[in-house]
């Protein structure tokens, strides 16, 4: 018991890197509809589907983008009306839309009361990286079903959350999951 308490104090003090997210982050919301406006003009919109806010970390790689793409498209967040099962179908199985929105503020850290975004990927690298993520979604699904906002623009994101259902994904989960599958079950609490 003492070692668990010691470990938890290390986690709370920030000494355990496993619990510090250093990878791509996505906040996924099941929606009845969503749209993005830039300068009072609608630039993208979907009906039922998923609104995905994407934060890109400075250390992200293609493997992180592939993991997020695969997980978002296959998350079973929709009910199956034929069988009555609540969490049964993916956005792909329902042929619903996906609206991707870049959001560097997902990597904001408060320093006192002021946000700091130094761990987010710098814009000159993040823009092509984000664009490649959008392409991964379009290739893995139906190109017309995948929409996105305008990178770097001041956007108004409107949505009607369905449920509400909101999930957070970090690409580091792919490494933790792989470790568990490989038999490494001694992960810290």
N, C-alpha and C. Protein backbone atom coordinates (compact mmCIF):
# COMPACT_ATOMS: atom_id res chain seq x y z
N UNK A 1 0.82 -1.19 0.00
CA UNK A 1 0.00 0.00 0.00
C UNK A 1 0.86 1.25 0.00
N UNK A 2 1.98 1.22 0.76
CA UNK A 2 2.85 2.38 0.83
C UNK A 2 3.43 2.75 -0.52
N UNK A 3 3.80 1.75 -1.34
CA UNK A 3 4.37 2.04 -2.66
C UNK A 3 3.33 2.69 -3.56
N UNK A 4 2.06 2.29 -3.45
CA UNK A 4 1.01 2.91 -4.25
C UNK A 4 0.84 4.36 -3.86
N UNK A 5 0.85 4.65 -2.57
CA UNK A 5 0.72 6.04 -2.12
C UNK A 5 1.90 6.87 -2.58
N UNK A 6 3.10 6.31 -2.49
CA UNK A 6 4.29 7.02 -2.98
C UNK A 6 4.16 7.29 -4.46
N UNK A 7 3.72 6.28 -5.21
CA UNK A 7 3.56 6.46 -6.65
C UNK A 7 2.54 7.54 -6.97
N UNK A 8 1.40 7.52 -6.28
CA UNK A 8 0.38 8.53 -6.53
C UNK A 8 0.89 9.93 -6.24
N UNK A 9 1.73 10.08 -5.23
CA UNK A 9 2.27 11.42 -4.95
C UNK A 9 3.21 11.86 -6.07
N UNK A 10 3.94 10.93 -6.67
CA UNK A 10 4.78 11.27 -7.82
C UNK A 10 3.93 11.69 -9.02
N UNK A 11 2.82 10.97 -9.23
CA UNK A 11 1.93 11.31 -10.34
C UNK A 11 1.37 12.70 -10.13
N UNK A 12 0.89 12.97 -8.91
CA UNK A 12 0.29 14.28 -8.64
C UNK A 12 1.31 15.41 -8.74
N UNK A 13 2.57 15.13 -8.43
CA UNK A 13 3.58 16.19 -8.51
C UNK A 13 4.13 16.34 -9.91
N UNK A 14 3.69 15.49 -10.84
CA UNK A 14 4.12 15.63 -12.23
C UNK A 14 5.40 14.89 -12.56
N UNK A 15 5.84 13.98 -11.69
CA UNK A 15 7.09 13.27 -11.92
C UNK A 15 6.94 12.08 -12.86
N UNK A 16 5.75 11.65 -13.09
CA UNK A 16 5.53 10.45 -13.91
C UNK A 16 5.15 10.87 -15.32
N UNK A 17 6.05 10.68 -16.29
CA UNK A 17 5.81 11.10 -17.66
C UNK A 17 4.69 10.35 -18.34
N UNK A 18 4.35 9.13 -17.84
CA UNK A 18 3.27 8.38 -18.45
C UNK A 18 1.97 9.16 -18.43
N UNK A 19 1.75 9.94 -17.39
CA UNK A 19 0.48 10.63 -17.22
C UNK A 19 0.47 12.02 -17.85
N UNK A 20 1.59 12.47 -18.35
CA UNK A 20 1.64 13.74 -19.05
C UNK A 20 1.44 13.47 -20.53
N UNK A 21 0.38 14.02 -21.09
CA UNK A 21 0.10 13.76 -22.49
C UNK A 21 1.09 14.53 -23.37
N UNK A 22 1.74 13.83 -24.27
CA UNK A 22 2.69 14.45 -25.19
C UNK A 22 2.35 14.09 -26.61
N UNK A 23 1.12 13.79 -26.86
CA UNK A 23 0.74 13.29 -28.16
C UNK A 23 -0.53 13.97 -28.65
N UNK A 24 -0.93 13.61 -29.85
CA UNK A 24 -2.12 14.20 -30.44
C UNK A 24 -3.33 13.96 -29.55
N UNK A 25 -4.15 14.98 -29.46
CA UNK A 25 -5.35 14.91 -28.63
C UNK A 25 -6.56 15.23 -29.49
N UNK A 26 -7.64 14.48 -29.26
CA UNK A 26 -8.89 14.74 -29.96
C UNK A 26 -10.03 14.71 -28.95
N UNK A 27 -10.88 15.71 -29.03
CA UNK A 27 -12.12 15.73 -28.26
C UNK A 27 -13.23 15.45 -29.26
N UNK A 28 -13.91 14.33 -29.07
CA UNK A 28 -14.90 13.84 -30.03
C UNK A 28 -16.29 14.03 -29.44
N UNK A 29 -17.15 14.71 -30.18
CA UNK A 29 -18.51 14.93 -29.72
C UNK A 29 -19.49 14.37 -30.73
N UNK A 30 -20.43 13.55 -30.23
CA UNK A 30 -21.50 13.06 -31.10
C UNK A 30 -22.51 14.20 -31.26
N UNK A 31 -22.82 14.52 -32.51
CA UNK A 31 -23.68 15.68 -32.76
C UNK A 31 -24.85 15.33 -33.67
N UNK A 32 -25.91 16.09 -33.52
CA UNK A 32 -27.02 16.04 -34.48
C UNK A 32 -26.69 16.92 -35.67
N UNK A 33 -25.90 17.99 -35.40
CA UNK A 33 -25.42 18.86 -36.47
C UNK A 33 -24.27 19.70 -35.92
N UNK A 34 -23.41 20.17 -36.83
CA UNK A 34 -22.31 21.06 -36.45
C UNK A 34 -21.91 21.87 -37.67
N UNK A 35 -21.43 23.09 -37.41
CA UNK A 35 -20.94 23.92 -38.51
C UNK A 35 -19.85 24.86 -38.00
N UNK A 36 -19.03 25.28 -38.95
CA UNK A 36 -17.94 26.22 -38.66
C UNK A 36 -18.17 27.47 -39.49
N UNK A 37 -18.09 28.63 -38.83
CA UNK A 37 -18.19 29.91 -39.52
C UNK A 37 -16.87 30.67 -39.36
N UNK A 38 -16.46 31.32 -40.43
CA UNK A 38 -15.30 32.21 -40.41
C UNK A 38 -15.76 33.51 -41.04
N UNK A 39 -15.57 34.59 -40.31
CA UNK A 39 -15.99 35.92 -40.77
C UNK A 39 -17.46 35.92 -41.21
N UNK A 40 -18.32 35.35 -40.37
CA UNK A 40 -19.77 35.29 -40.58
C UNK A 40 -20.19 34.52 -41.83
N UNK A 41 -19.32 33.61 -42.30
CA UNK A 41 -19.63 32.79 -43.46
C UNK A 41 -19.45 31.32 -43.07
N UNK A 42 -20.44 30.49 -43.38
CA UNK A 42 -20.35 29.06 -43.09
C UNK A 42 -19.34 28.45 -44.05
N UNK A 43 -18.29 27.82 -43.49
CA UNK A 43 -17.26 27.20 -44.33
C UNK A 43 -17.38 25.68 -44.36
N UNK A 44 -18.01 25.10 -43.36
CA UNK A 44 -18.21 23.65 -43.30
C UNK A 44 -19.39 23.34 -42.40
N UNK A 45 -20.11 22.27 -42.75
CA UNK A 45 -21.18 21.83 -41.87
C UNK A 45 -21.50 20.37 -42.13
N UNK A 46 -22.01 19.72 -41.08
CA UNK A 46 -22.45 18.33 -41.18
C UNK A 46 -23.80 18.20 -40.47
N UNK A 47 -24.52 17.15 -40.83
CA UNK A 47 -25.72 16.76 -40.09
C UNK A 47 -25.27 15.86 -38.95
N UNK A 48 -25.96 14.75 -38.73
CA UNK A 48 -25.55 13.82 -37.67
C UNK A 48 -24.13 13.30 -37.91
N UNK A 49 -23.38 13.13 -36.82
CA UNK A 49 -22.03 12.60 -36.95
C UNK A 49 -21.16 12.97 -35.77
N UNK A 50 -19.89 13.25 -36.08
CA UNK A 50 -18.91 13.56 -35.05
C UNK A 50 -18.23 14.89 -35.33
N UNK A 51 -18.18 15.74 -34.32
CA UNK A 51 -17.35 16.94 -34.34
C UNK A 51 -16.08 16.56 -33.59
N UNK A 52 -14.93 16.75 -34.23
CA UNK A 52 -13.65 16.34 -33.64
C UNK A 52 -12.75 17.56 -33.54
N UNK A 53 -12.49 17.99 -32.29
CA UNK A 53 -11.54 19.07 -32.03
C UNK A 53 -10.17 18.42 -31.89
N UNK A 54 -9.20 18.89 -32.67
CA UNK A 54 -7.89 18.23 -32.75
C UNK A 54 -6.79 19.16 -32.25
N UNK A 55 -6.06 18.70 -31.24
CA UNK A 55 -4.89 19.41 -30.75
C UNK A 55 -3.64 18.66 -31.16
N UNK A 56 -2.71 19.38 -31.77
CA UNK A 56 -1.48 18.75 -32.27
C UNK A 56 -0.32 19.16 -31.36
N UNK A 57 0.33 18.16 -30.78
CA UNK A 57 1.48 18.37 -29.89
C UNK A 57 2.76 18.51 -30.71
N UNK A 58 3.73 19.21 -30.18
CA UNK A 58 4.99 19.44 -30.91
C UNK A 58 5.72 18.17 -31.28
N UNK A 59 5.46 17.05 -30.57
CA UNK A 59 6.17 15.80 -30.84
C UNK A 59 5.35 14.80 -31.65
N UNK A 60 4.20 15.20 -32.18
CA UNK A 60 3.36 14.26 -32.91
C UNK A 60 4.02 13.74 -34.18
N UNK A 61 3.66 12.50 -34.51
CA UNK A 61 4.18 11.85 -35.72
C UNK A 61 2.99 11.32 -36.54
N UNK A 62 3.28 10.77 -37.70
CA UNK A 62 2.24 10.15 -38.53
C UNK A 62 1.55 9.01 -37.79
N UNK A 63 2.28 8.30 -36.96
CA UNK A 63 1.67 7.20 -36.20
C UNK A 63 0.59 7.72 -35.26
N UNK A 64 0.80 8.90 -34.67
CA UNK A 64 -0.21 9.51 -33.81
C UNK A 64 -1.46 9.86 -34.62
N UNK A 65 -1.25 10.44 -35.79
CA UNK A 65 -2.37 10.82 -36.66
C UNK A 65 -3.14 9.59 -37.12
N UNK A 66 -2.43 8.54 -37.48
CA UNK A 66 -3.10 7.31 -37.91
C UNK A 66 -3.93 6.70 -36.79
N UNK A 67 -3.40 6.73 -35.57
CA UNK A 67 -4.13 6.19 -34.42
C UNK A 67 -5.42 6.97 -34.19
N UNK A 68 -5.33 8.29 -34.17
CA UNK A 68 -6.51 9.12 -33.93
C UNK A 68 -7.54 8.89 -35.03
N UNK A 69 -7.11 8.87 -36.28
CA UNK A 69 -8.01 8.64 -37.40
C UNK A 69 -8.73 7.30 -37.25
N UNK A 70 -7.99 6.26 -37.00
CA UNK A 70 -8.56 4.91 -36.88
C UNK A 70 -9.55 4.84 -35.71
N UNK A 71 -9.17 5.39 -34.56
CA UNK A 71 -10.03 5.33 -33.38
C UNK A 71 -11.31 6.14 -33.58
N UNK A 72 -11.21 7.34 -34.10
CA UNK A 72 -12.39 8.18 -34.29
C UNK A 72 -13.37 7.52 -35.25
N UNK A 73 -12.87 7.01 -36.35
CA UNK A 73 -13.76 6.42 -37.35
C UNK A 73 -14.39 5.10 -36.90
N UNK A 74 -13.79 4.45 -35.91
CA UNK A 74 -14.30 3.15 -35.46
C UNK A 74 -14.91 3.16 -34.07
N UNK A 75 -14.92 4.32 -33.39
CA UNK A 75 -15.55 4.40 -32.07
C UNK A 75 -17.03 4.08 -32.20
N UNK A 76 -17.53 3.21 -31.35
CA UNK A 76 -18.93 2.82 -31.41
C UNK A 76 -19.74 3.74 -30.48
N UNK A 77 -20.09 4.89 -31.01
CA UNK A 77 -20.78 5.91 -30.22
C UNK A 77 -22.24 6.07 -30.59
N UNK A 78 -22.72 5.31 -31.56
CA UNK A 78 -24.08 5.47 -32.05
C UNK A 78 -24.94 4.25 -31.75
N UNK A 79 -26.21 4.48 -31.46
CA UNK A 79 -27.10 3.34 -31.18
C UNK A 79 -27.49 2.61 -32.46
N UNK A 80 -27.75 1.33 -32.31
CA UNK A 80 -28.25 0.51 -33.40
C UNK A 80 -29.77 0.44 -33.24
N UNK A 81 -30.49 1.15 -34.07
CA UNK A 81 -31.94 1.21 -33.94
C UNK A 81 -32.60 -0.12 -34.25
N UNK A 82 -31.95 -0.99 -35.04
CA UNK A 82 -32.51 -2.29 -35.37
C UNK A 82 -32.45 -3.27 -34.20
N UNK A 83 -31.33 -3.24 -33.47
CA UNK A 83 -31.15 -4.20 -32.37
C UNK A 83 -31.45 -3.61 -31.00
N UNK A 84 -31.49 -2.28 -30.91
CA UNK A 84 -31.72 -1.62 -29.63
C UNK A 84 -30.46 -1.46 -28.79
N UNK A 85 -29.31 -1.86 -29.33
CA UNK A 85 -28.05 -1.70 -28.59
C UNK A 85 -27.62 -0.24 -28.63
N UNK A 86 -27.23 0.28 -27.47
CA UNK A 86 -26.93 1.70 -27.34
C UNK A 86 -25.60 2.14 -27.92
N UNK A 87 -24.55 1.44 -27.70
CA UNK A 87 -23.21 1.84 -28.12
C UNK A 87 -22.71 0.80 -29.11
N UNK A 88 -23.26 0.81 -30.31
CA UNK A 88 -23.04 -0.33 -31.21
C UNK A 88 -22.42 0.04 -32.55
N UNK A 89 -22.66 1.24 -33.06
CA UNK A 89 -22.25 1.56 -34.42
C UNK A 89 -21.26 2.72 -34.47
N UNK A 90 -20.39 2.67 -35.46
CA UNK A 90 -19.43 3.75 -35.69
C UNK A 90 -20.01 4.77 -36.65
N UNK A 91 -19.35 5.89 -36.76
CA UNK A 91 -19.77 6.93 -37.70
C UNK A 91 -19.76 6.39 -39.13
N UNK A 92 -18.79 5.53 -39.44
CA UNK A 92 -18.71 4.93 -40.77
C UNK A 92 -19.89 4.01 -41.04
N UNK A 93 -20.24 3.19 -40.05
CA UNK A 93 -21.35 2.27 -40.23
C UNK A 93 -22.69 3.00 -40.42
N UNK A 94 -22.78 4.20 -39.85
CA UNK A 94 -24.01 4.99 -39.98
C UNK A 94 -23.99 5.91 -41.20
N UNK A 95 -22.83 6.00 -41.86
CA UNK A 95 -22.67 6.93 -42.98
C UNK A 95 -22.95 8.38 -42.59
N UNK A 96 -22.47 8.75 -41.40
CA UNK A 96 -22.65 10.11 -40.90
C UNK A 96 -21.42 10.95 -41.23
N UNK A 97 -21.49 12.24 -40.94
CA UNK A 97 -20.41 13.16 -41.24
C UNK A 97 -19.38 13.25 -40.12
N UNK A 98 -18.20 13.75 -40.50
CA UNK A 98 -17.12 14.04 -39.55
C UNK A 98 -16.66 15.46 -39.83
N UNK A 99 -16.66 16.29 -38.81
CA UNK A 99 -16.18 17.67 -38.94
C UNK A 99 -14.96 17.83 -38.05
N UNK A 100 -13.79 18.03 -38.68
CA UNK A 100 -12.53 18.20 -37.97
C UNK A 100 -12.24 19.68 -37.80
N UNK A 101 -11.83 20.06 -36.59
CA UNK A 101 -11.49 21.45 -36.30
C UNK A 101 -10.17 21.48 -35.54
N UNK A 102 -9.18 22.17 -36.09
CA UNK A 102 -7.89 22.28 -35.39
C UNK A 102 -8.08 23.20 -34.18
N UNK A 103 -7.49 22.79 -33.05
CA UNK A 103 -7.65 23.58 -31.82
C UNK A 103 -6.41 23.43 -30.95
N UNK A 104 -5.45 24.33 -31.17
CA UNK A 104 -4.20 24.27 -30.42
C UNK A 104 -4.41 24.49 -28.92
N UNK A 105 -5.53 25.11 -28.54
CA UNK A 105 -5.76 25.38 -27.13
C UNK A 105 -5.99 24.11 -26.31
N UNK A 106 -6.17 22.97 -26.96
CA UNK A 106 -6.26 21.71 -26.22
C UNK A 106 -4.94 21.41 -25.50
N UNK A 107 -3.87 22.08 -25.90
CA UNK A 107 -2.59 21.93 -25.22
C UNK A 107 -2.22 23.16 -24.43
N UNK A 108 -3.20 23.91 -23.99
CA UNK A 108 -2.94 25.06 -23.13
C UNK A 108 -2.61 24.62 -21.72
N UNK A 109 -1.65 25.30 -21.13
CA UNK A 109 -1.25 25.06 -19.75
C UNK A 109 -1.35 26.41 -19.04
N UNK A 110 -2.00 26.42 -17.89
CA UNK A 110 -2.10 27.68 -17.16
C UNK A 110 -0.82 27.93 -16.38
N UNK A 111 -0.26 29.11 -16.58
CA UNK A 111 0.86 29.59 -15.78
C UNK A 111 0.30 30.76 -14.99
N UNK A 112 -0.06 30.47 -13.75
CA UNK A 112 -0.82 31.44 -12.98
C UNK A 112 -2.23 31.45 -13.57
N UNK A 113 -2.64 32.59 -14.08
CA UNK A 113 -3.96 32.70 -14.71
C UNK A 113 -3.87 32.86 -16.22
N UNK A 114 -2.66 32.84 -16.76
CA UNK A 114 -2.48 33.07 -18.18
C UNK A 114 -2.19 31.75 -18.90
N UNK A 115 -2.91 31.48 -20.00
CA UNK A 115 -2.62 30.24 -20.74
C UNK A 115 -1.31 30.33 -21.52
N UNK A 116 -0.64 29.19 -21.58
CA UNK A 116 0.61 29.06 -22.33
C UNK A 116 0.44 27.87 -23.26
N UNK A 117 0.83 28.04 -24.52
CA UNK A 117 0.61 27.00 -25.52
C UNK A 117 1.92 26.47 -26.10
N UNK A 118 3.01 26.54 -25.34
CA UNK A 118 4.33 26.19 -25.88
C UNK A 118 4.47 24.72 -26.28
N UNK A 119 3.63 23.82 -25.76
CA UNK A 119 3.76 22.41 -26.14
C UNK A 119 2.96 22.07 -27.40
N UNK A 120 2.12 22.99 -27.86
CA UNK A 120 1.42 22.77 -29.12
C UNK A 120 2.43 22.90 -30.26
N UNK A 121 2.20 22.14 -31.32
CA UNK A 121 3.09 22.22 -32.48
C UNK A 121 3.03 23.64 -33.06
N UNK A 122 4.18 24.25 -33.39
CA UNK A 122 4.18 25.59 -33.97
C UNK A 122 3.37 25.63 -35.27
N UNK A 123 2.68 26.74 -35.55
CA UNK A 123 1.78 26.82 -36.71
C UNK A 123 2.41 26.43 -38.04
N UNK A 124 3.66 26.81 -38.29
CA UNK A 124 4.27 26.49 -39.59
C UNK A 124 4.46 24.99 -39.80
N UNK A 125 4.55 24.21 -38.70
CA UNK A 125 4.61 22.75 -38.80
C UNK A 125 3.23 22.13 -38.64
N UNK A 126 2.41 22.76 -37.80
CA UNK A 126 1.09 22.19 -37.49
C UNK A 126 0.15 22.22 -38.69
N UNK A 127 0.23 23.27 -39.51
CA UNK A 127 -0.71 23.37 -40.63
C UNK A 127 -0.56 22.20 -41.61
N UNK A 128 0.64 21.90 -42.13
CA UNK A 128 0.74 20.74 -43.03
C UNK A 128 0.45 19.42 -42.32
N UNK A 129 0.78 19.33 -41.04
CA UNK A 129 0.50 18.11 -40.28
C UNK A 129 -1.00 17.91 -40.15
N UNK A 130 -1.72 18.96 -39.79
CA UNK A 130 -3.17 18.89 -39.67
C UNK A 130 -3.81 18.57 -41.02
N UNK A 131 -3.32 19.19 -42.08
CA UNK A 131 -3.85 18.91 -43.42
C UNK A 131 -3.65 17.44 -43.80
N UNK A 132 -2.53 16.87 -43.40
CA UNK A 132 -2.30 15.44 -43.68
C UNK A 132 -3.25 14.57 -42.86
N UNK A 133 -3.60 15.01 -41.65
CA UNK A 133 -4.58 14.29 -40.85
C UNK A 133 -5.95 14.30 -41.54
N UNK A 134 -6.36 15.45 -42.04
CA UNK A 134 -7.64 15.55 -42.76
C UNK A 134 -7.64 14.59 -43.94
N UNK A 135 -6.53 14.52 -44.68
CA UNK A 135 -6.43 13.60 -45.81
C UNK A 135 -6.51 12.14 -45.38
N UNK A 136 -5.91 11.82 -44.23
CA UNK A 136 -6.01 10.45 -43.71
C UNK A 136 -7.47 10.08 -43.46
N UNK A 137 -8.23 11.01 -42.88
CA UNK A 137 -9.65 10.77 -42.64
C UNK A 137 -10.39 10.57 -43.96
N UNK A 138 -10.09 11.41 -44.93
CA UNK A 138 -10.80 11.33 -46.22
C UNK A 138 -10.48 10.02 -46.95
N UNK A 139 -9.24 9.56 -46.85
CA UNK A 139 -8.86 8.30 -47.50
C UNK A 139 -9.44 7.09 -46.77
N UNK A 140 -9.54 7.19 -45.45
CA UNK A 140 -10.03 6.06 -44.65
C UNK A 140 -11.55 5.96 -44.64
N UNK A 141 -12.22 7.04 -45.03
CA UNK A 141 -13.68 7.07 -45.01
C UNK A 141 -14.15 7.53 -46.38
N UNK A 142 -15.23 8.28 -46.44
CA UNK A 142 -15.73 8.84 -47.68
C UNK A 142 -15.31 10.30 -47.72
N UNK A 143 -14.60 10.68 -48.75
CA UNK A 143 -14.05 12.03 -48.84
C UNK A 143 -15.10 13.11 -48.61
N UNK A 144 -16.28 12.93 -49.19
CA UNK A 144 -17.35 13.94 -49.07
C UNK A 144 -17.92 14.03 -47.66
N UNK A 145 -17.76 12.99 -46.87
CA UNK A 145 -18.32 12.98 -45.51
C UNK A 145 -17.42 13.68 -44.50
N UNK A 146 -16.16 13.96 -44.89
CA UNK A 146 -15.20 14.57 -43.97
C UNK A 146 -15.05 16.05 -44.32
N UNK A 147 -15.36 16.89 -43.35
CA UNK A 147 -15.25 18.34 -43.51
C UNK A 147 -14.24 18.86 -42.50
N UNK A 148 -13.78 20.09 -42.72
CA UNK A 148 -12.90 20.69 -41.71
C UNK A 148 -13.08 22.20 -41.68
N UNK A 149 -12.54 22.79 -40.63
CA UNK A 149 -12.57 24.23 -40.47
C UNK A 149 -11.47 24.88 -41.29
N UNK A 150 -11.05 26.07 -40.86
CA UNK A 150 -9.98 26.80 -41.54
C UNK A 150 -8.83 26.92 -40.55
N UNK A 151 -7.73 26.26 -40.85
CA UNK A 151 -6.59 26.25 -39.93
C UNK A 151 -6.13 27.68 -39.64
N UNK A 152 -5.96 27.99 -38.36
CA UNK A 152 -5.43 29.28 -37.94
C UNK A 152 -6.43 30.42 -37.93
N UNK A 153 -7.63 30.18 -38.41
CA UNK A 153 -8.64 31.24 -38.45
C UNK A 153 -9.37 31.32 -37.11
N UNK A 154 -9.93 32.49 -36.84
CA UNK A 154 -10.83 32.64 -35.71
C UNK A 154 -12.17 32.06 -36.16
N UNK A 155 -12.57 30.95 -35.57
CA UNK A 155 -13.76 30.22 -36.01
C UNK A 155 -14.85 30.28 -34.96
N UNK A 156 -16.07 30.26 -35.43
CA UNK A 156 -17.23 30.05 -34.57
C UNK A 156 -17.72 28.64 -34.87
N UNK A 157 -17.68 27.79 -33.86
CA UNK A 157 -18.10 26.40 -34.02
C UNK A 157 -19.45 26.24 -33.33
N UNK A 158 -20.45 25.91 -34.10
CA UNK A 158 -21.80 25.70 -33.59
C UNK A 158 -22.11 24.21 -33.64
N UNK A 159 -22.74 23.69 -32.60
CA UNK A 159 -23.08 22.29 -32.60
C UNK A 159 -24.32 22.02 -31.76
N UNK A 160 -24.99 20.95 -32.11
CA UNK A 160 -26.05 20.41 -31.28
C UNK A 160 -25.54 19.05 -30.83
N UNK A 161 -25.09 19.00 -29.56
CA UNK A 161 -24.52 17.78 -29.01
C UNK A 161 -25.63 16.77 -28.81
N UNK A 162 -25.38 15.53 -29.19
CA UNK A 162 -26.37 14.46 -29.10
C UNK A 162 -26.04 13.58 -27.91
N UNK A 163 -26.81 13.67 -26.87
CA UNK A 163 -26.60 12.84 -25.69
C UNK A 163 -26.70 13.66 -24.40
N UNK A 164 -25.71 14.41 -24.06
CA UNK A 164 -24.45 14.66 -24.75
C UNK A 164 -23.47 13.49 -24.64
N UNK A 165 -22.73 13.29 -25.71
CA UNK A 165 -21.66 12.29 -25.73
C UNK A 165 -20.39 13.01 -26.13
N UNK A 166 -19.40 13.01 -25.24
CA UNK A 166 -18.10 13.63 -25.49
C UNK A 166 -17.02 12.70 -24.97
N UNK A 167 -16.05 12.40 -25.83
CA UNK A 167 -14.94 11.51 -25.47
C UNK A 167 -13.63 12.22 -25.77
N UNK A 168 -12.61 11.97 -24.96
CA UNK A 168 -11.28 12.51 -25.23
C UNK A 168 -10.35 11.35 -25.58
N UNK A 169 -9.61 11.52 -26.66
CA UNK A 169 -8.62 10.53 -27.09
C UNK A 169 -7.24 11.17 -27.09
N UNK A 170 -6.26 10.44 -26.62
CA UNK A 170 -4.86 10.84 -26.76
C UNK A 170 -4.16 9.72 -27.51
N UNK A 171 -3.31 10.09 -28.46
CA UNK A 171 -2.64 9.04 -29.24
C UNK A 171 -1.70 8.21 -28.40
N UNK A 172 -1.30 8.69 -27.23
CA UNK A 172 -0.44 7.90 -26.34
C UNK A 172 -1.17 6.64 -25.89
N UNK A 173 -2.50 6.64 -25.96
CA UNK A 173 -3.27 5.46 -25.59
C UNK A 173 -2.91 4.27 -26.48
N UNK A 174 -2.45 4.54 -27.70
CA UNK A 174 -2.10 3.43 -28.59
C UNK A 174 -0.88 2.68 -28.05
N UNK A 175 0.07 3.40 -27.45
CA UNK A 175 1.25 2.74 -26.89
C UNK A 175 0.91 2.00 -25.61
N UNK A 176 0.04 2.58 -24.78
CA UNK A 176 -0.37 1.91 -23.55
C UNK A 176 -1.14 0.64 -23.91
N UNK A 177 -2.06 0.73 -24.87
CA UNK A 177 -2.82 -0.44 -25.31
C UNK A 177 -1.93 -1.51 -25.87
N UNK A 178 -0.94 -1.12 -26.67
CA UNK A 178 -0.01 -2.09 -27.25
C UNK A 178 0.80 -2.77 -26.16
N UNK A 179 1.20 -2.01 -25.13
CA UNK A 179 1.95 -2.59 -24.02
C UNK A 179 1.11 -3.61 -23.29
N UNK A 180 -0.17 -3.31 -23.08
CA UNK A 180 -1.03 -4.26 -22.38
C UNK A 180 -1.22 -5.52 -23.20
N UNK A 181 -1.34 -5.37 -24.53
CA UNK A 181 -1.50 -6.53 -25.38
C UNK A 181 -0.23 -7.39 -25.39
N UNK A 182 0.92 -6.76 -25.20
CA UNK A 182 2.18 -7.49 -25.19
C UNK A 182 2.45 -8.15 -23.85
N UNK A 183 1.54 -7.98 -22.87
CA UNK A 183 1.72 -8.64 -21.59
C UNK A 183 2.34 -7.77 -20.53
N UNK A 184 2.56 -6.51 -20.78
CA UNK A 184 3.12 -5.61 -19.78
C UNK A 184 1.98 -5.04 -18.96
N UNK A 185 1.56 -5.76 -17.93
CA UNK A 185 0.41 -5.36 -17.14
C UNK A 185 0.81 -4.60 -15.88
N UNK A 186 2.08 -4.35 -15.65
CA UNK A 186 2.52 -3.69 -14.43
C UNK A 186 2.63 -2.19 -14.60
N UNK A 187 1.62 -1.59 -15.25
CA UNK A 187 1.61 -0.15 -15.40
C UNK A 187 1.22 0.49 -14.08
N UNK A 188 1.77 1.65 -13.77
CA UNK A 188 1.43 2.33 -12.51
C UNK A 188 -0.02 2.74 -12.49
N UNK A 189 -0.57 2.88 -11.30
CA UNK A 189 -1.97 3.32 -11.15
C UNK A 189 -2.16 4.72 -11.58
